[in-house]
Protein backbone atom coordinates (compact mmCIF):
# COMPACT_ATOMS: atom_id res chain seq x y z
CA UNK A 1 -26.42 1.13 20.99
CA UNK A 2 -26.18 1.69 17.33
CA UNK A 3 -24.83 5.18 17.76
CA UNK A 4 -22.15 4.01 20.13
CA UNK A 5 -20.86 1.35 17.63
CA UNK A 6 -20.96 3.87 14.88
CA UNK A 7 -18.90 6.31 16.85
CA UNK A 8 -16.39 3.56 17.80
CA UNK A 9 -15.90 2.66 14.13
CA UNK A 10 -15.63 6.38 13.25
CA UNK A 11 -12.87 6.94 15.89
CA UNK A 12 -10.99 3.73 14.74
CA UNK A 13 -11.09 4.92 11.15
CA UNK A 14 -9.91 8.61 12.03
CA UNK A 15 -7.14 6.99 14.22
CA UNK A 16 -6.00 4.73 11.47
CA UNK A 17 -5.92 7.53 8.97
CA UNK A 18 -3.89 9.72 11.10
CA UNK A 19 -1.44 6.88 12.02
CA UNK A 20 -1.24 6.04 8.15
CA UNK A 21 -0.45 9.79 7.34
CA UNK A 22 2.23 10.01 9.91
CA UNK A 23 3.73 6.77 8.89
CA UNK A 24 3.84 7.82 5.35
CA UNK A 25 4.94 11.33 5.87
CA UNK A 26 7.64 10.55 8.39
CA UNK A 27 9.82 9.01 5.58
CA UNK A 28 12.60 11.35 4.60
CA UNK A 29 13.22 10.03 0.99
CA UNK A 30 10.62 10.56 -1.58
CA UNK A 31 10.87 6.91 -2.85
CA UNK A 32 10.33 5.59 0.63
CA UNK A 33 7.34 7.93 1.09
CA UNK A 34 5.89 6.50 -2.08
CA UNK A 35 6.53 2.88 -0.93
CA UNK A 36 4.95 3.67 2.36
CA UNK A 37 1.95 5.28 0.89
CA UNK A 38 1.10 2.17 -1.13
CA UNK A 39 1.11 0.00 1.95
CA UNK A 40 -2.67 -0.36 2.17
CA UNK A 41 -2.72 -1.94 -1.18
CA UNK A 42 0.03 -4.42 0.02
CA UNK A 43 -1.88 -5.28 3.14
CA UNK A 44 -5.19 -5.94 1.42
CA UNK A 45 -3.46 -8.17 -1.25
CA UNK A 46 -1.56 -10.09 1.55
CA UNK A 47 -4.81 -10.56 3.60
CA UNK A 48 -6.54 -11.93 0.46
CA UNK A 49 -3.61 -14.19 -0.29
CA UNK A 50 -3.65 -15.58 3.11
CA UNK A 51 -7.42 -15.96 3.08
CA UNK A 52 -7.46 -18.11 -0.08
CA UNK A 53 -4.34 -20.08 0.67
CA UNK A 54 -6.19 -23.24 1.68
CA UNK A 55 -8.71 -23.05 -1.21
CA UNK A 56 -6.48 -22.02 -4.25
CA UNK A 57 -4.06 -24.49 -5.77
CA UNK A 58 -0.38 -23.49 -6.34
CA UNK A 59 -0.82 -22.24 -9.81
CA UNK A 60 -3.71 -19.85 -8.73
CA UNK A 61 -1.62 -18.71 -5.72
CA UNK A 62 1.20 -17.89 -8.01
CA UNK A 63 -0.92 -16.02 -10.50
CA UNK A 64 -2.48 -13.99 -7.65
CA UNK A 65 1.02 -13.26 -6.18
CA UNK A 66 2.28 -11.96 -9.43
CA UNK A 67 -0.90 -9.88 -9.93
CA UNK A 68 -0.60 -8.40 -6.43
CA UNK A 69 2.93 -7.45 -7.25
CA UNK A 70 1.90 -5.71 -10.43
CA UNK A 71 -0.88 -3.92 -8.63
CA UNK A 72 1.63 -2.83 -5.87
CA UNK A 73 4.12 -1.47 -8.52
CA UNK A 74 1.27 0.34 -10.43
CA UNK A 75 0.04 1.91 -7.18
CA UNK A 76 3.52 3.24 -6.40
CA UNK A 77 3.98 4.47 -10.00
CA UNK A 78 0.56 6.20 -9.91
CA UNK A 79 1.30 7.90 -6.42
CA UNK A 80 4.98 8.87 -7.50
CA UNK A 81 3.68 10.57 -10.64
CA UNK A 82 0.75 12.32 -8.77
CA UNK A 83 2.86 13.75 -5.92
CA UNK A 84 6.24 14.13 -7.58
CA UNK A 85 5.69 14.24 -11.32
CA UNK A 86 7.80 12.70 -13.95
CA UNK A 87 11.12 13.59 -12.14
CA UNK A 88 10.86 10.89 -9.47
CA UNK A 89 12.02 7.36 -10.64
CA UNK A 90 12.25 4.76 -7.90
CA UNK A 91 13.26 1.18 -8.08
CA UNK A 92 15.24 -0.53 -10.87
CA UNK A 93 17.25 1.86 -12.89
CA UNK A 94 16.82 4.67 -10.32
CA UNK A 95 19.80 6.89 -9.75
CA UNK A 96 20.81 7.69 -6.19
CA UNK A 97 21.44 11.23 -5.27
CA UNK A 98 24.87 11.89 -3.67
């Protein structure tokens, strides 16, 4: 029984990784690709925010929301730099190519 549960989780992990890669790489714009590649960070942060919603006060929820936004931005900046170098600037102040 232990082997079958392990193989099921392995298959789920592989399927999730393939779906994530296809979702990320299907974007045509580099900035959209970077945004999509940071989606696991956003999903984990959102799940945590929903999980602590009933136990944290408004101030704590606001602080965690700001922290999660900063973590999302930092993740996107890191990924943009890793895959596209200094040339890629997304978000505020980014110039659209014509």
